[in-house]
Amino acid sequence: MTKDAIKEEYLQLAATVREHVEEQLQLGLFEAEITETEQKSQYADLNLTALDADAQSCVKCGLHQGRNTVVFGVGNPDADLMFVGEAPGADEDRQGEPFVGRAGQLLTRIIEAMQLTRDDVYIANVLKCRPPDNRNPAPDEVETCSPYLLRQIELIQPKVIVTLGNFSAKMLLDTKTGITALRGKFYEYAYAKQDAHVPVVMPTYHPAYLLRNPNAKKDVWEDMQQVMTYLEQN
């Protein structure tokens, strides 16, 4: 085969491959695979301090435009128990610490009723920046910000993660099931790496929900009693 013939065959093959890739991209198949891979490996080399520093300068979604502070997380970096909410509110945005408003004060009382302090546990949110007017997190915001939380969990290695409300439960369990159906039972964390520590997840109601529905406090306390028993036995 002549050089010109080889070149022509190569160009035809390259054109075929390019057409196939463009077709797959249009169907969204490559994009989904790349996104999932990048999310799993993102921040893999950062420790908790470096991860916090990276988050402080994050401009990956539009929420950075209206924030006062990035609310990364607070507490014991070696905690056995981790609480995860959905997003900072106005008080948290001002102070740079999760769960410091009325809902946060209730969460503190729940933690103290478990014979623990906020310094004993770790507290974080799915989103690190406050959504405008405390609206619900948007799907693209959760997708963009959640790798920070996944790396936090990987570094802290809690035995139990208590998810507070719908968004953190759905995200960490990779489910569409709502909190009312989920709460009160332990589940396996959805994003544990192979041969790595796998925490259990206890979904329960968000403290803000309890402020509006005081009767649900009984349900949350039953959930926390299960958590305390699990921690005592593990």
Protein backbone atom coordinates (compact mmCIF):
# COMPACT_ATOMS: atom_id res chain seq x y z
CA MET A 1 0.00 0.00 0.00
CA THR A 2 1.38 3.42 -0.97
CA LYS A 3 1.88 6.28 1.48
CA ASP A 4 -0.97 8.19 -0.15
CA ALA A 5 -3.30 5.21 0.22
CA ILE A 6 -2.36 4.77 3.90
CA LYS A 7 -2.94 8.47 4.52
CA GLU A 8 -6.33 8.34 2.81
CA GLU A 9 -7.37 5.29 4.85
CA TYR A 10 -6.26 7.02 8.07
CA LEU A 11 -8.25 10.17 7.23
CA GLN A 12 -11.36 8.12 6.52
CA LEU A 13 -10.97 6.27 9.82
CA ALA A 14 -10.46 9.53 11.73
CA ALA A 15 -13.57 11.01 10.11
CA THR A 16 -15.61 7.95 11.09
CA VAL A 17 -14.42 8.13 14.70
CA ARG A 18 -15.11 11.87 14.87
CA GLU A 19 -18.65 11.38 13.58
CA HIS A 20 -19.26 8.64 16.15
CA VAL A 21 -17.99 10.81 19.03
CA GLU A 22 -20.09 13.78 17.93
CA GLU A 23 -23.16 11.55 17.75
CA GLN A 24 -22.53 10.23 21.28
CA LEU A 25 -22.00 13.74 22.62
CA GLN A 26 -25.29 14.85 21.11
CA LEU A 27 -26.99 11.96 22.88
CA GLY A 28 -25.31 13.01 26.14
CA LEU A 29 -23.65 9.63 26.69
CA PHE A 30 -20.03 10.77 26.91
CA GLU A 31 -20.90 13.85 28.93
CA ALA A 32 -22.64 11.86 31.67
CA GLU A 33 -19.76 9.42 31.95
CA ILE A 34 -17.13 12.16 32.14
CA THR A 35 -19.11 14.13 34.69
CA GLU A 36 -19.48 11.10 36.97
CA THR A 37 -15.78 10.23 36.73
CA GLU A 38 -14.67 13.80 37.38
CA GLN A 39 -17.00 14.11 40.35
CA LYS A 40 -15.64 10.96 41.98
CA SER A 41 -12.01 12.04 41.60
CA GLN A 42 -12.42 15.78 42.25
CA TYR A 43 -10.38 17.12 45.20
CA ALA A 44 -8.95 13.63 45.85
CA ASP A 45 -5.53 15.03 46.80
CA LEU A 46 -6.80 17.77 49.14
CA ASN A 47 -6.85 17.48 52.93
CA LEU A 48 -9.60 19.19 54.93
CA THR A 49 -7.71 22.47 55.30
CA ALA A 50 -6.86 22.67 51.60
CA LEU A 51 -10.41 21.68 50.67
CA ASP A 52 -11.76 24.50 52.84
CA ALA A 53 -9.37 26.97 51.20
CA ASP A 54 -10.47 25.83 47.75
CA ALA A 55 -14.13 26.23 48.67
CA GLN A 56 -13.56 29.77 49.97
CA SER A 57 -12.56 30.91 46.49
CA CYS A 58 -15.07 28.79 44.57
CA VAL A 59 -16.92 30.49 41.69
CA LYS A 60 -18.16 27.32 39.99
CA CYS A 61 -21.85 28.27 40.19
CA GLY A 62 -23.87 31.47 40.36
CA LEU A 63 -24.34 31.36 44.12
CA HIS A 64 -20.93 32.94 44.67
CA GLN A 65 -22.31 36.22 43.33
CA GLY A 66 -24.62 36.79 46.29
CA ARG A 67 -22.77 35.22 49.18
CA ASN A 68 -21.12 36.98 52.10
CA THR A 69 -19.13 33.94 53.20
CA VAL A 70 -18.56 30.33 52.20
CA VAL A 71 -19.96 28.03 54.89
CA PHE A 72 -17.64 25.05 54.66
CA GLY A 73 -18.22 23.04 57.85
CA VAL A 74 -17.35 22.97 61.52
CA GLY A 75 -16.52 20.50 64.27
CA ASN A 76 -14.31 17.52 64.97
CA PRO A 77 -12.41 16.37 61.84
CA ASP A 78 -12.26 12.87 63.36
CA ALA A 79 -15.91 12.75 64.41
CA ASP A 80 -17.83 9.49 64.54
CA LEU A 81 -21.05 11.42 63.94
CA MET A 82 -21.65 13.89 61.13
CA PHE A 83 -24.75 16.02 60.49
CA VAL A 84 -25.47 17.20 56.93
CA GLY A 85 -28.08 19.79 56.02
CA GLU A 86 -28.99 21.32 52.69
CA ALA A 87 -27.62 24.88 52.53
CA PRO A 88 -26.66 27.89 54.67
CA GLY A 89 -29.30 30.43 55.67
CA ALA A 90 -28.93 34.15 56.31
CA ASP A 91 -27.35 33.74 59.77
CA GLU A 92 -24.93 31.14 58.48
CA ASP A 93 -24.02 33.30 55.49
CA ARG A 94 -23.14 36.17 57.84
CA GLN A 95 -21.16 34.10 60.36
CA GLY A 96 -19.57 31.51 58.07
CA GLU A 97 -20.68 28.59 60.25
CA PRO A 98 -23.44 26.04 59.56
CA PHE A 99 -26.56 25.84 61.73
CA VAL A 100 -26.23 28.94 63.90
CA GLY A 101 -29.73 30.40 63.43
CA ARG A 102 -32.93 29.24 65.14
CA ALA A 103 -32.78 25.85 63.43
CA GLY A 104 -29.13 25.58 64.39
CA GLN A 105 -29.89 26.33 68.03
CA LEU A 106 -32.41 23.48 68.00
CA LEU A 107 -29.83 21.17 66.41
CA THR A 108 -27.40 22.13 69.21
CA ARG A 109 -29.99 21.15 71.82
CA ILE A 110 -30.53 17.81 70.05
CA ILE A 111 -26.77 17.17 70.05
CA GLU A 112 -26.54 18.06 73.74
CA ALA A 113 -29.46 15.72 74.51
CA MET A 114 -27.31 12.98 72.96
CA GLN A 115 -24.66 13.81 75.61
CA LEU A 116 -22.42 15.37 72.98
CA THR A 117 -21.33 18.89 72.01
CA ARG A 118 -20.91 20.55 68.64
CA ASP A 119 -17.16 20.10 69.09
CA ASP A 120 -17.66 16.33 69.25
CA VAL A 121 -19.47 16.07 65.90
CA TYR A 122 -18.97 17.53 62.43
CA ILE A 123 -21.64 19.70 60.81
CA ALA A 124 -21.85 20.61 57.12
CA ASN A 125 -24.25 21.25 54.27
CA VAL A 126 -24.62 20.00 50.71
CA LEU A 127 -24.25 23.57 49.43
CA LYS A 128 -21.55 25.82 50.81
CA CYS A 129 -23.19 29.09 49.70
CA ARG A 130 -26.61 30.47 50.56
CA PRO A 131 -29.29 30.27 47.83
CA PRO A 132 -31.13 33.59 47.35
CA ASP A 133 -34.07 34.05 49.75
CA ASN A 134 -33.31 30.61 51.24
CA ARG A 135 -34.86 28.88 48.24
CA ASN A 136 -34.32 25.17 47.67
CA PRO A 137 -31.00 24.13 46.12
CA ALA A 138 -31.16 23.78 42.33
CA PRO A 139 -30.06 20.45 40.79
CA ASP A 140 -27.08 22.01 39.01
CA GLU A 141 -25.96 23.68 42.26
CA VAL A 142 -26.08 20.34 44.09
CA GLU A 143 -24.12 18.66 41.29
CA THR A 144 -21.47 21.39 41.29
CA CYS A 145 -21.03 21.69 45.06
CA SER A 146 -21.54 18.12 46.26
CA PRO A 147 -17.94 16.98 45.51
CA TYR A 148 -16.83 19.19 48.42
CA LEU A 149 -19.15 17.28 50.76
CA LEU A 150 -18.14 13.89 49.35
CA ARG A 151 -14.47 14.68 50.02
CA GLN A 152 -15.31 15.96 53.53
CA ILE A 153 -16.99 12.64 54.31
CA GLU A 154 -14.06 10.73 52.82
CA LEU A 155 -11.61 12.61 55.05
CA ILE A 156 -13.64 12.62 58.27
CA GLN A 157 -14.74 8.98 57.95
CA PRO A 158 -17.73 9.21 60.32
CA LYS A 159 -19.44 6.06 61.50
CA VAL A 160 -22.88 7.66 61.14
CA ILE A 161 -24.12 10.48 58.91
CA VAL A 162 -27.40 12.07 59.99
CA THR A 163 -28.98 13.80 57.01
CA LEU A 164 -31.26 16.69 57.91
CA GLY A 165 -34.14 17.11 55.49
CA ASN A 166 -34.86 16.02 51.94
CA PHE A 167 -31.92 17.32 49.94
CA SER A 168 -29.06 15.82 51.92
CA ALA A 169 -30.86 12.48 52.26
CA LYS A 170 -31.60 12.23 48.55
CA MET A 171 -28.08 13.28 47.61
CA LEU A 172 -26.13 10.99 49.96
CA LEU A 173 -28.39 8.00 49.35
CA ASP A 174 -28.72 8.67 45.61
CA THR A 175 -32.49 8.31 45.79
CA LYS A 176 -35.64 10.20 44.88
CA THR A 177 -37.54 8.93 47.90
CA GLY A 178 -38.71 11.66 50.28
CA ILE A 179 -37.67 12.15 53.88
CA THR A 180 -40.97 10.99 55.41
CA ALA A 181 -40.56 7.54 53.87
CA LEU A 182 -36.79 7.40 54.53
CA ARG A 183 -36.49 8.56 58.15
CA GLY A 184 -36.11 6.20 61.05
CA LYS A 185 -33.97 3.58 59.28
CA PHE A 186 -30.27 3.13 58.57
CA TYR A 187 -29.01 3.03 54.99
CA GLU A 188 -25.63 2.49 53.39
CA TYR A 189 -23.86 5.62 52.15
CA ALA A 190 -24.09 5.68 48.35
CA TYR A 191 -20.67 7.07 47.42
CA ALA A 192 -18.18 4.99 49.39
CA LYS A 193 -15.14 3.94 47.40
CA GLN A 194 -14.29 0.30 46.97
CA ASP A 195 -12.52 -1.21 50.01
CA ALA A 196 -13.05 2.06 51.92
CA HIS A 197 -14.82 2.86 55.16
CA VAL A 198 -18.61 2.90 54.60
CA PRO A 199 -20.66 4.98 57.04
CA VAL A 200 -24.34 4.34 57.67
CA VAL A 201 -26.84 7.11 56.99
CA MET A 202 -29.78 8.01 59.21
CA PRO A 203 -32.18 10.41 57.47
CA THR A 204 -34.30 12.58 59.75
CA TYR A 205 -36.26 15.82 59.62
CA HIS A 206 -34.52 19.17 59.31
CA PRO A 207 -34.56 21.31 62.48
CA ALA A 208 -36.32 24.07 60.52
CA TYR A 209 -39.16 21.61 59.88
CA LEU A 210 -39.35 20.91 63.61
CA LEU A 211 -39.77 24.62 64.32
CA ARG A 212 -42.87 24.56 62.11
CA ASN A 213 -44.03 21.12 63.25
CA PRO A 214 -43.11 20.61 66.92
CA ASN A 215 -44.90 17.25 67.07
CA ALA A 216 -42.19 15.80 64.79
CA LYS A 217 -39.56 16.30 67.49
CA LYS A 218 -40.59 12.93 68.92
CA ASP A 219 -39.73 11.24 65.60
CA VAL A 220 -36.33 12.91 65.45
CA TRP A 221 -35.51 11.91 69.02
CA GLU A 222 -36.39 8.29 68.20
CA ASP A 223 -34.00 8.53 65.24
CA MET A 224 -31.24 9.95 67.44
CA GLN A 225 -31.73 7.18 70.00
CA GLN A 226 -31.03 4.69 67.23
CA VAL A 227 -27.91 6.65 66.32
CA MET A 228 -26.68 6.62 69.92
CA THR A 229 -27.23 2.88 70.19
CA TYR A 230 -25.35 2.28 66.93
CA LEU A 231 -22.40 4.39 68.07
CA GLU A 232 -22.25 2.57 71.41
CA GLN A 233 -22.16 -0.80 69.63
CA ASN A 234 -19.71 0.18 66.90
